[in-house]
Amino acid sequence: MNTGNNSEGQYDHFTVSEAQPLLEFLLANVSQSRTKVKATLQGQGVKVNGKTVTQFDYQLQPGMKVAVSKTKRNQRGFKSRYVKIVYEDRWLVVVEKNIGILSMAAGHSSLNVKSVLDDYFKKTHQRCTAHVVHRLDRDTSGLMVYAKDIQTEQILEHNWHQIVYDRRYVAVLSGEMEQNEGTIQNWLKDNKAYVTYSSPVDNGGKLAITHFFVMDRTTDHSLVEFKLETGRKNQIRVHAADMGHPVCGDPKYGNGDDPLHRLCLHAWLLCFTHPITGERMEFETPVPTAFRLLFKHH
């Protein structure tokens, strides 16, 4: 029974199979840049056989147990109320963004994820900047991936639909959905005022396909998962409105129903094949607590 501070869950544990210096072992086993691994060591985030070790040429022997702190290595030098780093390696970074922050700069000094990440890269002495690969609206929360170099960005951008094999959102929609699941398919096009509108026939816009699945409902609202087959601008928001059940808190396509004082749309699942290593990367975040509380059945 582990009493006192519950720190056990905050470590990743490894067993050494061959003699090698600690830094080499960490670089081979922890998916992080050399800079980050060194920072974790210096920040006393690594233990060998239960003792904190900071020197990176420490000689490991087979059978030794290495524990690497998750908290120290993820958050070292990074604090933002708008962005949380979920995963990072030398090619890309996956973040969970909060509502109220743009994916990239627009206009003058707007708060955006790219500049928050660039600032963090600078502070941690990483010679890279964040390259935008896809976007989430300012008031949509959830998972995003940014590339750390042009090559990775190009691969992601040009092969996005082959690379990303599952991407899902969860939304609170206004009213009680009639169907349990289905697919919406139509053409989306922006008008002069940048409002996206849909057409059941080709209107010169882009074909948009969204699958939906109702997770929960009350007489007032529905909790719905959306799976995108295409990723068009405002796609879910327009498609939800097309069904007569707009996303709650949507100032552009909504009906004024705003129970949580936010746009109730969250990108909860992102799965892609790593553009460089080919590894399957799967990330998910919980449904926002505020969304779930609307469906506490009495």
C-alpha atoms as a PDB file:
ATOM      1  CA  MET A   1       0.000   0.000   0.000  1.00  0.00           C
ATOM      2  CA  ASN A   2       1.545   3.281  -1.119  1.00  0.00           C
ATOM      3  CA  THR A   3       0.885   5.856   1.605  1.00  0.00           C
ATOM      4  CA  GLY A   4       1.829   9.507   1.651  1.00  0.00           C
ATOM      5  CA  ASN A   5       2.186  11.262  -1.680  1.00  0.00           C
ATOM      6  CA  ASN A   6       0.701   9.336  -4.540  1.00  0.00           C
ATOM      7  CA  SER A   7       3.623   9.892  -6.871  1.00  0.00           C
ATOM      8  CA  GLU A   8       3.825   6.375  -8.320  1.00  0.00           C
ATOM      9  CA  GLY A   9       1.356   6.998 -11.112  1.00  0.00           C
ATOM     10  CA  GLN A  10       3.395   9.976 -12.296  1.00  0.00           C
ATOM     11  CA  TYR A  11       6.334   7.900 -13.519  1.00  0.00           C
ATOM     12  CA  ASP A  12       7.028   5.704 -16.537  1.00  0.00           C
ATOM     13  CA  HIS A  13       9.016   2.637 -15.497  1.00  0.00           C
ATOM     14  CA  PHE A  14      11.684   0.830 -17.519  1.00  0.00           C
ATOM     15  CA  THR A  15      14.028  -2.095 -16.927  1.00  0.00           C
ATOM     16  CA  VAL A  16      17.525  -1.892 -18.398  1.00  0.00           C
ATOM     17  CA  SER A  17      18.481  -4.795 -20.671  1.00  0.00           C
ATOM     18  CA  GLU A  18      22.037  -3.815 -21.659  1.00  0.00           C
ATOM     19  CA  ALA A  19      24.842  -1.717 -20.145  1.00  0.00           C
ATOM     20  CA  GLN A  20      24.780   1.849 -21.490  1.00  0.00           C
ATOM     21  CA  PRO A  21      24.988   5.485 -20.359  1.00  0.00           C
ATOM     22  CA  LEU A  22      21.755   6.867 -18.898  1.00  0.00           C
ATOM     23  CA  LEU A  23      21.275   9.548 -21.577  1.00  0.00           C
ATOM     24  CA  GLU A  24      21.516   6.984 -24.408  1.00  0.00           C
ATOM     25  CA  PHE A  25      18.985   4.777 -22.649  1.00  0.00           C
ATOM     26  CA  LEU A  26      16.552   7.665 -22.179  1.00  0.00           C
ATOM     27  CA  LEU A  27      16.830   8.843 -25.778  1.00  0.00           C
ATOM     28  CA  ALA A  28      16.056   5.323 -26.957  1.00  0.00           C
ATOM     29  CA  ASN A  29      13.102   4.825 -24.603  1.00  0.00           C
ATOM     30  CA  VAL A  30      11.480   8.209 -23.971  1.00  0.00           C
ATOM     31  CA  SER A  31       9.856   9.853 -26.991  1.00  0.00           C
ATOM     32  CA  GLN A  32      11.448  13.254 -26.527  1.00  0.00           C
ATOM     33  CA  SER A  33      14.121  15.508 -27.912  1.00  0.00           C
ATOM     34  CA  ARG A  34      17.642  15.462 -26.484  1.00  0.00           C
ATOM     35  CA  THR A  35      17.010  18.933 -25.023  1.00  0.00           C
ATOM     36  CA  LYS A  36      13.876  17.789 -23.203  1.00  0.00           C
ATOM     37  CA  VAL A  37      15.512  14.607 -21.877  1.00  0.00           C
ATOM     38  CA  LYS A  38      18.437  16.622 -20.477  1.00  0.00           C
ATOM     39  CA  ALA A  39      15.995  19.091 -18.929  1.00  0.00           C
ATOM     40  CA  THR A  40      14.167  16.210 -17.232  1.00  0.00           C
ATOM     41  CA  LEU A  41      17.480  14.896 -15.844  1.00  0.00           C
ATOM     42  CA  GLN A  42      18.539  18.320 -14.577  1.00  0.00           C
ATOM     43  CA  GLY A  43      15.090  18.860 -13.092  1.00  0.00           C
ATOM     44  CA  GLN A  44      15.561  15.677 -10.986  1.00  0.00           C
ATOM     45  CA  GLY A  45      12.882  13.822 -12.942  1.00  0.00           C
ATOM     46  CA  VAL A  46      14.811  10.548 -13.344  1.00  0.00           C
ATOM     47  CA  LYS A  47      15.415   7.827 -10.758  1.00  0.00           C
ATOM     48  CA  VAL A  48      17.618   4.764 -11.061  1.00  0.00           C
ATOM     49  CA  ASN A  49      16.764   1.972  -8.602  1.00  0.00           C
ATOM     50  CA  GLY A  50      14.727   4.491  -6.621  1.00  0.00           C
ATOM     51  CA  LYS A  51      17.453   7.154  -6.348  1.00  0.00           C
ATOM     52  CA  THR A  52      17.383  10.464  -8.232  1.00  0.00           C
ATOM     53  CA  VAL A  53      20.189  10.699 -10.786  1.00  0.00           C
ATOM     54  CA  THR A  54      21.077  13.898 -12.664  1.00  0.00           C
ATOM     55  CA  GLN A  55      24.318  13.074 -14.514  1.00  0.00           C
ATOM     56  CA  PHE A  56      23.663  11.873 -18.050  1.00  0.00           C
ATOM     57  CA  ASP A  57      26.813   9.716 -18.360  1.00  0.00           C
ATOM     58  CA  TYR A  58      25.682   7.609 -15.361  1.00  0.00           C
ATOM     59  CA  GLN A  59      26.468   4.001 -16.319  1.00  0.00           C
ATOM     60  CA  LEU A  60      23.446   1.679 -16.340  1.00  0.00           C
ATOM     61  CA  GLN A  61      23.741  -2.084 -15.873  1.00  0.00           C
ATOM     62  CA  PRO A  62      21.289  -4.793 -16.996  1.00  0.00           C
ATOM     63  CA  GLY A  63      18.443  -5.301 -14.516  1.00  0.00           C
ATOM     64  CA  MET A  64      18.483  -1.739 -13.185  1.00  0.00           C
ATOM     65  CA  LYS A  65      15.121  -0.016 -12.892  1.00  0.00           C
ATOM     66  CA  VAL A  66      14.684   3.452 -14.375  1.00  0.00           C
ATOM     67  CA  ALA A  67      11.719   5.705 -13.557  1.00  0.00           C
ATOM     68  CA  VAL A  68      11.046   8.841 -15.579  1.00  0.00           C
ATOM     69  CA  SER A  69       8.708  11.509 -14.209  1.00  0.00           C
ATOM     70  CA  LYS A  70       5.761  12.287 -16.485  1.00  0.00           C
ATOM     71  CA  THR A  71       4.929  15.584 -14.823  1.00  0.00           C
ATOM     72  CA  LYS A  72       8.456  16.959 -14.749  1.00  0.00           C
ATOM     73  CA  ARG A  73       9.136  16.058 -18.313  1.00  0.00           C
ATOM     74  CA  ASN A  74       5.906  17.317 -19.843  1.00  0.00           C
ATOM     75  CA  GLN A  75       5.524  20.570 -18.056  1.00  0.00           C
ATOM     76  CA  ARG A  76       9.076  21.678 -17.542  1.00  0.00           C
ATOM     77  CA  GLY A  77       9.218  25.291 -18.682  1.00  0.00           C
ATOM     78  CA  PHE A  78       5.709  25.183 -20.029  1.00  0.00           C
ATOM     79  CA  LYS A  79       2.713  26.760 -18.341  1.00  0.00           C
ATOM     80  CA  SER A  80      -0.287  28.120 -20.171  1.00  0.00           C
ATOM     81  CA  ARG A  81      -3.927  28.312 -19.196  1.00  0.00           C
ATOM     82  CA  TYR A  82      -4.861  27.983 -22.853  1.00  0.00           C
ATOM     83  CA  VAL A  83      -2.660  25.159 -24.089  1.00  0.00           C
ATOM     84  CA  LYS A  84      -1.646  21.794 -22.687  1.00  0.00           C
ATOM     85  CA  ILE A  85       1.101  19.724 -24.313  1.00  0.00           C
ATOM     86  CA  VAL A  86      -0.151  16.159 -24.615  1.00  0.00           C
ATOM     87  CA  TYR A  87       2.762  14.686 -26.582  1.00  0.00           C
ATOM     88  CA  GLU A  88       6.020  15.916 -27.991  1.00  0.00           C
ATOM     89  CA  ASP A  89       8.897  14.437 -29.982  1.00  0.00           C
ATOM     90  CA  ARG A  90      11.500  15.978 -32.253  1.00  0.00           C
ATOM     91  CA  TRP A  91       9.141  16.253 -35.236  1.00  0.00           C
ATOM     92  CA  LEU A  92       5.787  17.265 -33.850  1.00  0.00           C
ATOM     93  CA  VAL A  93       3.764  18.304 -30.851  1.00  0.00           C
ATOM     94  CA  VAL A  94       0.170  17.399 -29.967  1.00  0.00           C
ATOM     95  CA  VAL A  95      -1.691  19.896 -27.808  1.00  0.00           C
ATOM     96  CA  GLU A  96      -5.087  20.262 -26.234  1.00  0.00           C
ATOM     97  CA  LYS A  97      -6.256  23.816 -26.689  1.00  0.00           C
ATOM     98  CA  ASN A  98      -8.742  25.648 -24.556  1.00  0.00           C
ATOM     99  CA  ILE A  99     -11.580  27.833 -25.793  1.00  0.00           C
ATOM    100  CA  GLY A 100     -10.754  31.479 -26.474  1.00  0.00           C
ATOM    101  CA  ILE A 101      -7.462  31.009 -28.305  1.00  0.00           C
ATOM    102  CA  LEU A 102      -6.833  30.997 -32.057  1.00  0.00           C
ATOM    103  CA  SER A 103      -4.852  28.212 -33.753  1.00  0.00           C
ATOM    104  CA  MET A 104      -2.594  30.775 -35.412  1.00  0.00           C
ATOM    105  CA  ALA A 105      -2.082  34.524 -35.589  1.00  0.00           C
ATOM    106  CA  ALA A 106      -4.731  36.706 -37.197  1.00  0.00           C
ATOM    107  CA  GLY A 107      -4.504  40.464 -37.091  1.00  0.00           C
ATOM    108  CA  HIS A 108      -2.154  42.131 -34.631  1.00  0.00           C
ATOM    109  CA  SER A 109      -1.311  40.627 -31.271  1.00  0.00           C
ATOM    110  CA  SER A 110      -4.028  38.027 -31.060  1.00  0.00           C
ATOM    111  CA  LEU A 111      -3.509  35.232 -28.576  1.00  0.00           C
ATOM    112  CA  ASN A 112      -2.751  32.062 -30.530  1.00  0.00           C
ATOM    113  CA  VAL A 113      -1.422  28.543 -29.982  1.00  0.00           C
ATOM    114  CA  LYS A 114       1.417  28.897 -32.461  1.00  0.00           C
ATOM    115  CA  SER A 115       2.989  31.830 -30.589  1.00  0.00           C
ATOM    116  CA  VAL A 116       2.509  30.098 -27.213  1.00  0.00           C
ATOM    117  CA  LEU A 117       4.393  27.068 -28.597  1.00  0.00           C
ATOM    118  CA  ASP A 118       7.087  29.173 -30.281  1.00  0.00           C
ATOM    119  CA  ASP A 119       7.684  30.909 -26.982  1.00  0.00           C
ATOM    120  CA  TYR A 120       7.979  27.538 -25.216  1.00  0.00           C
ATOM    121  CA  PHE A 121      10.410  26.189 -27.856  1.00  0.00           C
ATOM    122  CA  LYS A 122      12.582  29.272 -27.373  1.00  0.00           C
ATOM    123  CA  LYS A 123      12.582  28.902 -23.579  1.00  0.00           C
ATOM    124  CA  THR A 124      13.569  25.236 -23.807  1.00  0.00           C
ATOM    125  CA  HIS A 125      16.309  26.023 -26.355  1.00  0.00           C
ATOM    126  CA  GLN A 126      14.747  24.011 -29.137  1.00  0.00           C
ATOM    127  CA  ARG A 127      15.671  25.348 -32.537  1.00  0.00           C
ATOM    128  CA  CYS A 128      12.255  25.056 -34.100  1.00  0.00           C
ATOM    129  CA  THR A 129       8.926  26.787 -34.554  1.00  0.00           C
ATOM    130  CA  ALA A 130       5.378  25.456 -34.638  1.00  0.00           C
ATOM    131  CA  HIS A 131       3.966  24.900 -38.118  1.00  0.00           C
ATOM    132  CA  VAL A 132       0.194  24.941 -38.454  1.00  0.00           C
ATOM    133  CA  VAL A 133      -1.181  21.822 -40.116  1.00  0.00           C
ATOM    134  CA  HIS A 134      -4.909  22.108 -39.376  1.00  0.00           C
ATOM    135  CA  ARG A 135      -7.097  24.517 -37.452  1.00  0.00           C
ATOM    136  CA  LEU A 136      -9.735  24.610 -34.759  1.00  0.00           C
ATOM    137  CA  ASP A 137     -12.021  27.621 -34.440  1.00  0.00           C
ATOM    138  CA  ARG A 138     -11.121  29.974 -31.608  1.00  0.00           C
ATOM    139  CA  ASP A 139     -13.983  28.798 -29.421  1.00  0.00           C
ATOM    140  CA  THR A 140     -13.632  25.095 -30.170  1.00  0.00           C
ATOM    141  CA  SER A 141     -11.489  23.224 -27.641  1.00  0.00           C
ATOM    142  CA  GLY A 142      -9.556  20.015 -28.103  1.00  0.00           C
ATOM    143  CA  LEU A 143      -6.693  18.200 -29.794  1.00  0.00           C
ATOM    144  CA  MET A 144      -4.418  19.619 -32.453  1.00  0.00           C
ATOM    145  CA  VAL A 145      -1.100  18.632 -33.967  1.00  0.00           C
ATOM    146  CA  TYR A 146       1.664  21.072 -34.959  1.00  0.00           C
ATOM    147  CA  ALA A 147       4.800  20.186 -36.909  1.00  0.00           C
ATOM    148  CA  LYS A 148       8.204  21.361 -35.672  1.00  0.00           C
ATOM    149  CA  ASP A 149       9.849  21.642 -39.091  1.00  0.00           C
ATOM    150  CA  ILE A 150       8.886  22.331 -42.690  1.00  0.00           C
ATOM    151  CA  GLN A 151       9.451  18.750 -43.906  1.00  0.00           C
ATOM    152  CA  THR A 152       7.091  17.253 -41.308  1.00  0.00           C
ATOM    153  CA  GLU A 153       4.564  20.012 -41.971  1.00  0.00           C
ATOM    154  CA  GLN A 154       4.632  19.301 -45.725  1.00  0.00           C
ATOM    155  CA  ILE A 155       4.130  15.557 -45.236  1.00  0.00           C
ATOM    156  CA  LEU A 156       1.200  16.154 -42.879  1.00  0.00           C
ATOM    157  CA  GLU A 157      -0.365  18.784 -45.083  1.00  0.00           C
ATOM    158  CA  HIS A 158      -0.102  16.935 -48.388  1.00  0.00           C
ATOM    159  CA  ASN A 159      -1.162  13.541 -47.029  1.00  0.00           C
ATOM    160  CA  TRP A 160      -3.548  14.686 -44.285  1.00  0.00           C
ATOM    161  CA  HIS A 161      -6.393  12.349 -45.292  1.00  0.00           C
ATOM    162  CA  GLN A 162      -4.149   9.286 -45.534  1.00  0.00           C
ATOM    163  CA  ILE A 163      -2.283  10.112 -42.327  1.00  0.00           C
ATOM    164  CA  VAL A 164      -5.201  11.026 -40.059  1.00  0.00           C
ATOM    165  CA  TYR A 165      -7.306   7.880 -39.790  1.00  0.00           C
ATOM    166  CA  ASP A 166      -9.740   8.936 -37.076  1.00  0.00           C
ATOM    167  CA  ARG A 167     -10.796  12.362 -35.900  1.00  0.00           C
ATOM    168  CA  ARG A 168     -13.831  12.920 -33.723  1.00  0.00           C
ATOM    169  CA  TYR A 169     -15.577  15.752 -31.991  1.00  0.00           C
ATOM    170  CA  VAL A 170     -18.186  15.851 -29.289  1.00  0.00           C
ATOM    171  CA  ALA A 171     -20.809  18.590 -29.209  1.00  0.00           C
ATOM    172  CA  VAL A 172     -23.846  19.650 -27.233  1.00  0.00           C
ATOM    173  CA  LEU A 173     -26.629  20.336 -29.708  1.00  0.00           C
ATOM    174  CA  SER A 174     -29.793  22.291 -29.090  1.00  0.00           C
ATOM    175  CA  GLY A 175     -32.952  20.190 -28.757  1.00  0.00           C
ATOM    176  CA  GLU A 176     -33.576  16.466 -28.673  1.00  0.00           C
ATOM    177  CA  MET A 177     -32.165  14.606 -31.690  1.00  0.00           C
ATOM    178  CA  GLU A 178     -34.669  12.345 -33.445  1.00  0.00           C
ATOM    179  CA  GLN A 179     -32.189   9.905 -35.014  1.00  0.00           C
ATOM    180  CA  ASN A 180     -29.535   7.953 -33.132  1.00  0.00           C
ATOM    181  CA  GLU A 181     -26.976   8.052 -35.900  1.00  0.00           C
ATOM    182  CA  GLY A 182     -26.558   9.015 -39.504  1.00  0.00           C
ATOM    183  CA  THR A 183     -24.503  10.820 -42.121  1.00  0.00           C
ATOM    184  CA  ILE A 184     -24.854  14.341 -43.456  1.00  0.00           C
ATOM    185  CA  GLN A 185     -23.465  15.066 -46.893  1.00  0.00           C
ATOM    186  CA  ASN A 186     -23.694  18.303 -48.844  1.00  0.00           C
ATOM    187  CA  TRP A 187     -21.629  21.064 -50.420  1.00  0.00           C
ATOM    188  CA  LEU A 188     -20.257  23.938 -48.349  1.00  0.00           C
ATOM    189  CA  LYS A 189     -19.358  27.353 -49.656  1.00  0.00           C
ATOM    190  CA  ASP A 190     -18.603  30.728 -48.074  1.00  0.00           C
ATOM    191  CA  ASN A 191     -20.601  33.785 -49.017  1.00  0.00           C
ATOM    192  CA  LYS A 192     -19.146  37.307 -49.230  1.00  0.00           C
ATOM    193  CA  ALA A 193     -19.551  37.781 -45.468  1.00  0.00           C
ATOM    194  CA  TYR A 194     -17.537  34.581 -44.768  1.00  0.00           C
ATOM    195  CA  VAL A 195     -20.609  32.722 -43.587  1.00  0.00           C
ATOM    196  CA  THR A 196     -20.498  29.123 -44.749  1.00  0.00           C
ATOM    197  CA  TYR A 197     -23.749  27.839 -46.184  1.00  0.00           C
ATOM    198  CA  SER A 198     -24.703  24.441 -47.501  1.00  0.00           C
ATOM    199  CA  SER A 199     -26.355  23.080 -50.585  1.00  0.00           C
ATOM    200  CA  PRO A 200     -27.708  19.567 -51.267  1.00  0.00           C
ATOM    201  CA  VAL A 201     -26.378  19.854 -54.859  1.00  0.00           C
ATOM    202  CA  ASP A 202     -22.946  20.946 -56.018  1.00  0.00           C
ATOM    203  CA  ASN A 203     -22.836  24.733 -55.689  1.00  0.00           C
ATOM    204  CA  GLY A 204     -19.194  25.072 -56.660  1.00  0.00           C
ATOM    205  CA  GLY A 205     -18.249  24.620 -53.005  1.00  0.00           C
ATOM    206  CA  LYS A 206     -16.564  21.640 -51.351  1.00  0.00           C
ATOM    207  CA  LEU A 207     -18.188  18.294 -50.631  1.00  0.00           C
ATOM    208  CA  ALA A 208     -18.509  17.804 -46.879  1.00  0.00           C
ATOM    209  CA  ILE A 209     -19.328  14.504 -45.167  1.00  0.00           C
ATOM    210  CA  THR A 210     -19.994  14.135 -41.448  1.00  0.00           C
ATOM    211  CA  HIS A 211     -21.076  11.014 -39.533  1.00  0.00           C
ATOM    212  CA  PHE A 212     -22.918  11.516 -36.263  1.00  0.00           C
ATOM    213  CA  PHE A 213     -23.792   9.333 -33.298  1.00  0.00           C
ATOM    214  CA  VAL A 214     -25.942  10.411 -30.348  1.00  0.00           C
ATOM    215  CA  MET A 215     -24.254   9.605 -27.019  1.00  0.00           C
ATOM    216  CA  ASP A 216     -26.904  11.025 -24.682  1.00  0.00           C
ATOM    217  CA  ARG A 217     -29.971  13.246 -24.772  1.00  0.00           C
ATOM    218  CA  THR A 218     -32.474  15.119 -22.656  1.00  0.00           C
ATOM    219  CA  THR A 219     -35.590  16.875 -23.907  1.00  0.00           C
ATOM    220  CA  ASP A 220     -33.526  20.075 -24.201  1.00  0.00           C
ATOM    221  CA  HIS A 221     -30.147  18.948 -25.509  1.00  0.00           C
ATOM    222  CA  SER A 222     -28.261  16.155 -27.250  1.00  0.00           C
ATOM    223  CA  LEU A 223     -24.672  15.031 -26.693  1.00  0.00           C
ATOM    224  CA  VAL A 224     -23.423  14.015 -30.112  1.00  0.00           C
ATOM    225  CA  GLU A 225     -20.178  12.575 -31.440  1.00  0.00           C
ATOM    226  CA  PHE A 226     -19.145  13.668 -34.912  1.00  0.00           C
ATOM    227  CA  LYS A 227     -16.677  11.832 -37.115  1.00  0.00           C
ATOM    228  CA  LEU A 228     -15.339  13.857 -40.001  1.00  0.00           C
ATOM    229  CA  GLU A 229     -14.773  12.275 -43.374  1.00  0.00           C
ATOM    230  CA  THR A 230     -13.801  15.656 -44.801  1.00  0.00           C
ATOM    231  CA  GLY A 231     -12.553  18.602 -42.778  1.00  0.00           C
ATOM    232  CA  ARG A 232     -14.130  21.770 -44.124  1.00  0.00           C
ATOM    233  CA  LYS A 233     -14.336  25.138 -42.459  1.00  0.00           C
ATOM    234  CA  ASN A 234     -17.127  25.217 -39.834  1.00  0.00           C
ATOM    235  CA  GLN A 235     -18.283  21.830 -41.144  1.00  0.00           C
ATOM    236  CA  ILE A 236     -19.783  20.444 -37.921  1.00  0.00           C
ATOM    237  CA  ARG A 237     -21.376  23.770 -36.998  1.00  0.00           C
ATOM    238  CA  VAL A 238     -23.098  24.097 -40.387  1.00  0.00           C
ATOM    239  CA  HIS A 239     -24.141  20.429 -40.506  1.00  0.00           C
ATOM    240  CA  ALA A 240     -25.590  20.555 -36.993  1.00  0.00           C
ATOM    241  CA  ALA A 241     -27.607  23.640 -37.965  1.00  0.00           C
ATOM    242  CA  ASP A 242     -28.742  21.836 -41.144  1.00  0.00           C
ATOM    243  CA  MET A 243     -30.226  19.090 -38.960  1.00  0.00           C
ATOM    244  CA  GLY A 244     -32.210  21.694 -37.038  1.00  0.00           C
ATOM    245  CA  HIS A 245     -30.071  21.082 -33.947  1.00  0.00           C
ATOM    246  CA  PRO A 246     -27.312  23.699 -33.989  1.00  0.00           C
ATOM    247  CA  VAL A 247     -24.294  23.536 -31.687  1.00  0.00           C
ATOM    248  CA  CYS A 248     -25.115  25.291 -28.405  1.00  0.00           C
ATOM    249  CA  GLY A 249     -23.456  28.642 -27.894  1.00  0.00           C
ATOM    250  CA  ASP A 250     -22.756  29.106 -31.615  1.00  0.00           C
ATOM    251  CA  PRO A 251     -23.064  32.834 -32.387  1.00  0.00           C
ATOM    252  CA  LYS A 252     -22.838  32.288 -36.147  1.00  0.00           C
ATOM    253  CA  TYR A 253     -25.087  29.303 -36.910  1.00  0.00           C
ATOM    254  CA  GLY A 254     -26.872  28.809 -33.579  1.00  0.00           C
ATOM    255  CA  ASN A 255     -30.375  29.595 -32.351  1.00  0.00           C
ATOM    256  CA  GLY A 256     -29.449  31.490 -29.189  1.00  0.00           C
ATOM    257  CA  ASP A 257     -29.427  28.370 -26.980  1.00  0.00           C
ATOM    258  CA  ASP A 258     -26.312  28.882 -24.847  1.00  0.00           C
ATOM    259  CA  PRO A 259     -26.423  26.837 -21.613  1.00  0.00           C
ATOM    260  CA  LEU A 260     -22.657  26.832 -20.929  1.00  0.00           C
ATOM    261  CA  HIS A 261     -21.679  30.288 -22.217  1.00  0.00           C
ATOM    262  CA  ARG A 262     -19.288  28.754 -24.707  1.00  0.00           C
ATOM    263  CA  LEU A 263     -19.368  27.104 -28.107  1.00  0.00           C
ATOM    264  CA  CYS A 264     -20.123  23.495 -27.133  1.00  0.00           C
ATOM    265  CA  LEU A 265     -17.737  21.804 -29.537  1.00  0.00           C
ATOM    266  CA  HIS A 266     -14.651  19.822 -28.503  1.00  0.00           C
ATOM    267  CA  ALA A 267     -12.175  17.846 -30.626  1.00  0.00           C
ATOM    268  CA  TRP A 268     -11.854  14.823 -28.345  1.00  0.00           C
ATOM    269  CA  LEU A 269     -10.092  12.191 -30.479  1.00  0.00           C
ATOM    270  CA  LEU A 270      -7.186  12.424 -32.909  1.00  0.00           C
ATOM    271  CA  CYS A 271      -5.498   9.384 -34.453  1.00  0.00           C
ATOM    272  CA  PHE A 272      -2.798   9.550 -37.090  1.00  0.00           C
ATOM    273  CA  THR A 273       0.138   7.657 -38.496  1.00  0.00           C
ATOM    274  CA  HIS A 274       3.354   9.399 -37.484  1.00  0.00           C
ATOM    275  CA  PRO A 275       4.630  11.158 -40.645  1.00  0.00           C
ATOM    276  CA  ILE A 276       8.251  10.162 -39.931  1.00  0.00           C
ATOM    277  CA  THR A 277       8.265   6.954 -37.890  1.00  0.00           C
ATOM    278  CA  GLY A 278       5.049   5.466 -39.275  1.00  0.00           C
ATOM    279  CA  GLU A 279       3.930   4.640 -35.741  1.00  0.00           C
ATOM    280  CA  ARG A 280       0.197   4.799 -34.935  1.00  0.00           C
ATOM    281  CA  MET A 281      -0.441   7.767 -32.656  1.00  0.00           C
ATOM    282  CA  GLU A 282      -3.747   7.843 -30.778  1.00  0.00           C
ATOM    283  CA  PHE A 283      -4.859  10.649 -28.500  1.00  0.00           C
ATOM    284  CA  GLU A 284      -8.098  11.239 -26.691  1.00  0.00           C
ATOM    285  CA  THR A 285      -9.345  13.693 -24.083  1.00  0.00           C
ATOM    286  CA  PRO A 286     -12.360  13.277 -21.814  1.00  0.00           C
ATOM    287  CA  VAL A 287     -15.673  14.832 -22.801  1.00  0.00           C
ATOM    288  CA  PRO A 288     -15.577  18.275 -21.095  1.00  0.00           C
ATOM    289  CA  THR A 289     -17.100  18.017 -17.620  1.00  0.00           C
ATOM    290  CA  ALA A 290     -19.493  20.889 -18.290  1.00  0.00           C
ATOM    291  CA  PHE A 291     -20.909  18.981 -21.293  1.00  0.00           C
ATOM    292  CA  ARG A 292     -21.462  15.851 -19.209  1.00  0.00           C
ATOM    293  CA  LEU A 293     -23.180  17.729 -16.372  1.00  0.00           C
ATOM    294  CA  LEU A 294     -25.977  18.799 -18.724  1.00  0.00           C
ATOM    295  CA  PHE A 295     -26.880  15.117 -19.065  1.00  0.00           C
ATOM    296  CA  LYS A 296     -26.896  14.113 -15.396  1.00  0.00           C
ATOM    297  CA  HIS A 297     -30.231  12.312 -15.429  1.00  0.00           C
ATOM    298  CA  HIS A 298     -32.249  12.695 -12.290  1.00  0.00           C
END
